[in-house]
């Protein structure tokens, strides 16, 4: 039922000459894999721009070669190593204040410079914190490191640089650790479409390395129903933040 309601609302928006933005971010890329190939093929065929959050520490030329022929893909900085530095019992966090802040900032600077040098025109100077967590004190220092945008999870909050968040996580991390059922996810999209507090772009968050068939099926269905629909558009992150 949720899918039907989403499509009816998009039809209504199109009739009014309105368009809602969608945006896709995928996390944890390091190397080419069959799962990444599947994601690239799916987004390429659907004409959906993809922001790929890449972990800088261990990535290199193989991923560059994989993405070179994929102009619809932009590369963002996914921390440095995606390593947890929080104490036991605390939520996982790489970009917190559990280490000297200059150490954290130094890693972020290295990560940004490495991915910029590797990916050139496909590089987007956006920071995607691992686990979507970052200390406010580090956020304040991001512009000085050369970052021009930040992306975490949830509704956007004021920051010293543009923020473009994700809103719909397709993975059921606390339950099956597979993909949420499609109707649940379409229901989440519907809630944002009907909200009195609209977001700049409704963003879908994926993790290609851990997708099960239910996760892939949702993406295929979502792109099938929305790509090319006159009431919405899948936009590149750079266009949404003005980079």
Protein backbone atom coordinates (compact mmCIF):
# COMPACT_ATOMS: atom_id res chain seq x y z
CA UNK A 1 0.00 0.00 0.00
CA UNK A 2 2.83 2.43 0.83
CA UNK A 3 4.32 2.07 -2.63
CA UNK A 4 0.97 2.90 -4.20
CA UNK A 5 0.64 5.97 -1.98
CA UNK A 6 4.15 7.17 -2.85
CA UNK A 7 3.46 6.88 -6.56
CA UNK A 8 0.06 8.58 -6.23
CA UNK A 9 1.69 11.48 -4.40
CA UNK A 10 4.43 11.78 -7.02
CA UNK A 11 1.75 11.78 -9.73
CA UNK A 12 -0.02 14.59 -7.86
CA UNK A 13 3.22 16.60 -7.62
CA UNK A 14 3.80 16.14 -11.34
CA UNK A 15 0.28 17.37 -12.10
CA UNK A 16 1.11 20.52 -10.12
CA UNK A 17 4.38 21.01 -11.98
CA UNK A 18 6.41 20.19 -8.87
CA UNK A 19 9.47 17.94 -8.56
CA UNK A 20 10.95 16.34 -5.43
CA UNK A 21 14.67 15.52 -5.28
CA UNK A 22 16.05 12.09 -4.43
CA UNK A 23 19.71 11.35 -3.71
CA UNK A 24 21.67 8.07 -3.32
CA UNK A 25 24.66 7.46 -1.04
CA UNK A 26 26.44 4.13 -0.63
CA UNK A 27 29.03 3.53 2.10
CA UNK A 28 32.19 1.50 2.76
CA UNK A 29 33.76 1.07 -0.68
CA UNK A 30 37.46 0.20 -0.81
CA UNK A 31 37.98 -2.22 -3.69
CA UNK A 32 36.10 -3.49 -6.73
CA UNK A 33 33.78 -6.36 -5.79
CA UNK A 34 30.92 -8.22 -7.47
CA UNK A 35 28.52 -6.33 -5.18
CA UNK A 36 29.95 -2.99 -6.27
CA UNK A 37 29.73 -4.06 -9.91
CA UNK A 38 26.05 -4.87 -9.34
CA UNK A 39 25.40 -1.47 -7.78
CA UNK A 40 27.21 0.36 -10.56
CA UNK A 41 25.29 -1.51 -13.25
CA UNK A 42 21.97 -0.90 -11.50
CA UNK A 43 22.49 2.84 -11.08
CA UNK A 44 24.01 3.24 -14.54
CA UNK A 45 21.04 1.54 -16.21
CA UNK A 46 18.53 3.59 -14.18
CA UNK A 47 20.39 6.86 -14.72
CA UNK A 48 20.70 7.40 -10.96
CA UNK A 49 23.71 9.47 -9.79
CA UNK A 50 25.63 7.72 -7.00
CA UNK A 51 27.80 9.15 -4.23
CA UNK A 52 30.20 6.43 -3.12
CA UNK A 53 31.68 6.95 0.35
CA UNK A 54 35.19 5.46 0.09
CA UNK A 55 37.42 4.48 3.04
CA UNK A 56 40.75 6.12 2.16
CA UNK A 57 43.30 4.12 4.17
CA UNK A 58 43.32 0.91 2.13
CA UNK A 59 41.87 2.00 -1.21
CA UNK A 60 43.95 2.57 -4.30
CA UNK A 61 44.30 2.20 -8.05
CA UNK A 62 41.98 -0.83 -8.49
CA UNK A 63 38.97 1.24 -7.40
CA UNK A 64 40.09 4.14 -9.58
CA UNK A 65 40.18 1.82 -12.60
CA UNK A 66 36.76 0.41 -11.69
CA UNK A 67 35.11 3.83 -11.47
CA UNK A 68 36.87 5.57 -14.35
CA UNK A 69 34.17 4.61 -16.84
CA UNK A 70 31.31 5.50 -14.49
CA UNK A 71 30.69 9.25 -14.89
CA UNK A 72 27.52 9.03 -12.78
CA UNK A 73 29.63 8.20 -9.69
CA UNK A 74 31.13 10.74 -7.27
CA UNK A 75 33.62 9.74 -4.57
CA UNK A 76 33.31 11.09 -1.01
CA UNK A 77 35.62 10.68 2.01
CA UNK A 78 34.44 8.01 4.47
CA UNK A 79 36.63 8.91 7.45
CA UNK A 80 40.14 7.46 7.25
CA UNK A 81 40.15 3.81 8.32
CA UNK A 82 36.56 3.17 9.52
CA UNK A 83 38.13 2.06 12.81
CA UNK A 84 36.30 2.45 16.11
CA UNK A 85 38.14 4.52 18.74
CA UNK A 86 35.32 4.77 21.28
CA UNK A 87 35.60 2.88 24.58
CA UNK A 88 33.72 -0.36 25.26
CA UNK A 89 29.96 0.08 25.80
CA UNK A 90 29.99 3.35 23.85
CA UNK A 91 28.61 3.66 20.30
CA UNK A 92 31.16 3.06 17.56
CA UNK A 93 32.89 6.25 16.46
CA UNK A 94 36.02 7.08 14.52
CA UNK A 95 35.61 10.86 14.46
CA UNK A 96 35.09 11.57 18.13
CA UNK A 97 37.23 13.12 20.85
CA UNK A 98 38.60 9.81 22.12
CA UNK A 99 42.01 10.72 20.63
CA UNK A 100 43.87 14.02 20.32
CA UNK A 101 41.86 16.15 17.91
CA UNK A 102 44.94 16.97 15.82
CA UNK A 103 45.39 13.24 15.18
CA UNK A 104 41.82 12.93 13.93
CA UNK A 105 42.12 16.06 11.78
CA UNK A 106 45.41 14.86 10.34
CA UNK A 107 43.84 11.60 9.22
CA UNK A 108 40.93 13.41 7.62
CA UNK A 109 43.29 15.73 5.78
CA UNK A 110 45.28 12.74 4.48
CA UNK A 111 42.12 10.96 3.44
CA UNK A 112 40.80 13.96 1.56
CA UNK A 113 44.10 14.56 -0.23
CA UNK A 114 44.49 10.88 -1.13
CA UNK A 115 41.05 10.49 -2.69
CA UNK A 116 41.36 13.82 -4.50
CA UNK A 117 44.65 12.71 -6.03
CA UNK A 118 43.28 9.28 -6.96
CA UNK A 119 39.87 10.19 -8.36
CA UNK A 120 40.35 13.72 -9.71
CA UNK A 121 37.18 14.89 -11.48
CA UNK A 122 35.06 12.26 -9.74
CA UNK A 123 36.14 13.44 -6.29
CA UNK A 124 33.60 15.29 -4.17
CA UNK A 125 35.02 17.09 -1.13
CA UNK A 126 32.32 15.71 1.13
CA UNK A 127 32.97 14.02 4.47
CA UNK A 128 30.84 11.00 5.34
CA UNK A 129 31.67 10.06 8.96
CA UNK A 130 31.80 6.32 9.66
CA UNK A 131 28.68 5.24 11.55
CA UNK A 132 27.31 8.74 10.74
CA UNK A 133 28.85 10.08 13.97
CA UNK A 134 31.20 13.04 14.37
CA UNK A 135 32.06 15.35 17.26
CA UNK A 136 30.85 18.96 16.84
CA UNK A 137 34.37 20.20 17.56
CA UNK A 138 35.60 18.31 14.48
CA UNK A 139 32.75 19.56 12.31
CA UNK A 140 33.85 23.11 13.12
CA UNK A 141 37.30 22.39 11.68
CA UNK A 142 36.20 20.74 8.43
CA UNK A 143 36.23 23.87 6.20
CA UNK A 144 39.84 24.53 7.18
CA UNK A 145 40.71 21.02 5.97
CA UNK A 146 39.21 21.72 2.56
CA UNK A 147 35.90 19.93 3.00
CA UNK A 148 32.99 21.67 1.30
CA UNK A 149 30.13 19.49 2.59
CA UNK A 150 29.14 16.95 5.25
CA UNK A 151 26.74 14.01 5.13
CA UNK A 152 25.44 12.06 8.13
CA UNK A 153 22.00 10.51 8.83
CA UNK A 154 18.74 12.21 9.74
CA UNK A 155 17.39 15.69 9.25
CA UNK A 156 19.96 18.35 8.46
CA UNK A 157 21.17 20.63 11.26
CA UNK A 158 23.06 23.94 11.05
CA UNK A 159 26.80 23.56 10.46
CA UNK A 160 29.71 25.71 9.22
CA UNK A 161 29.51 23.99 5.80
CA UNK A 162 26.68 22.65 3.62
CA UNK A 163 25.02 19.48 4.97
CA UNK A 164 23.37 16.88 2.75
CA UNK A 165 22.17 13.98 4.87
CA UNK A 166 20.76 10.54 4.25
CA UNK A 167 17.26 9.74 5.53
CA UNK A 168 16.21 6.23 4.47
CA UNK A 169 18.57 3.39 5.47
CA UNK A 170 17.54 0.28 3.56
CA UNK A 171 19.36 -2.09 5.97
CA UNK A 172 17.76 -3.58 9.10
CA UNK A 173 20.88 -3.32 11.27
CA UNK A 174 19.11 -4.07 14.57
CA UNK A 175 17.03 -6.97 13.27
CA UNK A 176 17.72 -9.29 10.37
CA UNK A 177 20.80 -7.32 9.20
CA UNK A 178 19.36 -7.73 5.73
CA UNK A 179 17.26 -5.31 3.77
CA UNK A 180 14.08 -3.87 5.24
CA UNK A 181 10.88 -4.99 3.46
CA UNK A 182 10.04 -2.75 0.50
CA UNK A 183 6.72 -1.62 1.98
CA UNK A 184 8.49 -0.43 5.14
CA UNK A 185 10.94 1.60 3.08
CA UNK A 186 8.26 3.05 0.81
CA UNK A 187 6.44 3.98 4.01
CA UNK A 188 9.53 5.85 5.21
CA UNK A 189 9.71 7.71 1.90
CA UNK A 190 6.01 8.55 2.15
CA UNK A 191 6.54 10.01 5.63
CA UNK A 192 9.16 12.42 4.27
CA UNK A 193 7.00 13.33 1.27
CA UNK A 194 4.06 14.15 3.56
CA UNK A 195 6.09 15.87 6.28
CA UNK A 196 5.44 19.47 7.29
CA UNK A 197 9.24 19.82 7.44
CA UNK A 198 10.41 18.87 3.94
CA UNK A 199 14.06 18.09 3.28
CA UNK A 200 16.09 19.40 0.35
CA UNK A 201 16.43 15.88 -1.04
CA UNK A 202 15.13 12.57 0.26
CA UNK A 203 18.22 10.43 0.48
CA UNK A 204 18.50 6.65 0.35
CA UNK A 205 21.48 5.07 2.15
CA UNK A 206 22.87 1.74 1.00
CA UNK A 207 25.79 -0.56 1.90
CA UNK A 208 26.45 -2.68 -1.18
CA UNK A 209 28.84 -5.09 0.57
CA UNK A 210 26.13 -6.46 2.87
CA UNK A 211 23.01 -6.35 0.68
CA UNK A 212 20.83 -9.42 0.58
CA UNK A 213 18.39 -10.09 -2.26
CA UNK A 214 15.64 -8.18 -0.45
CA UNK A 215 17.82 -5.05 -0.40
CA UNK A 216 18.68 -5.37 -4.08
CA UNK A 217 15.04 -6.00 -4.97
CA UNK A 218 13.97 -2.80 -3.21
CA UNK A 219 16.51 -0.71 -5.10
CA UNK A 220 15.48 -2.23 -8.40
CA UNK A 221 11.82 -1.53 -7.64
CA UNK A 222 12.48 2.00 -6.40
CA UNK A 223 14.49 2.95 -9.48
CA UNK A 224 11.96 1.29 -11.78
CA UNK A 225 9.12 3.38 -10.31
CA UNK A 226 10.92 6.71 -9.85
CA UNK A 227 13.70 7.09 -12.42
CA UNK A 228 12.23 9.25 -15.15
CA UNK A 229 9.03 10.01 -13.23
CA UNK A 230 7.99 13.65 -13.84
CA UNK A 231 7.27 14.22 -10.14
CA UNK A 232 10.81 13.49 -8.97
CA UNK A 233 14.42 13.43 -10.05
CA UNK A 234 17.50 11.60 -8.87
CA UNK A 235 20.10 14.31 -8.42
CA UNK A 236 23.87 14.32 -8.02
CA UNK A 237 25.15 15.48 -4.65
CA UNK A 238 27.24 18.20 -6.28
CA UNK A 239 24.13 19.71 -7.84
CA UNK A 240 22.24 19.64 -4.55
CA UNK A 241 24.97 21.36 -2.55
CA UNK A 242 26.03 23.71 -5.33
CA UNK A 243 29.55 22.33 -5.82
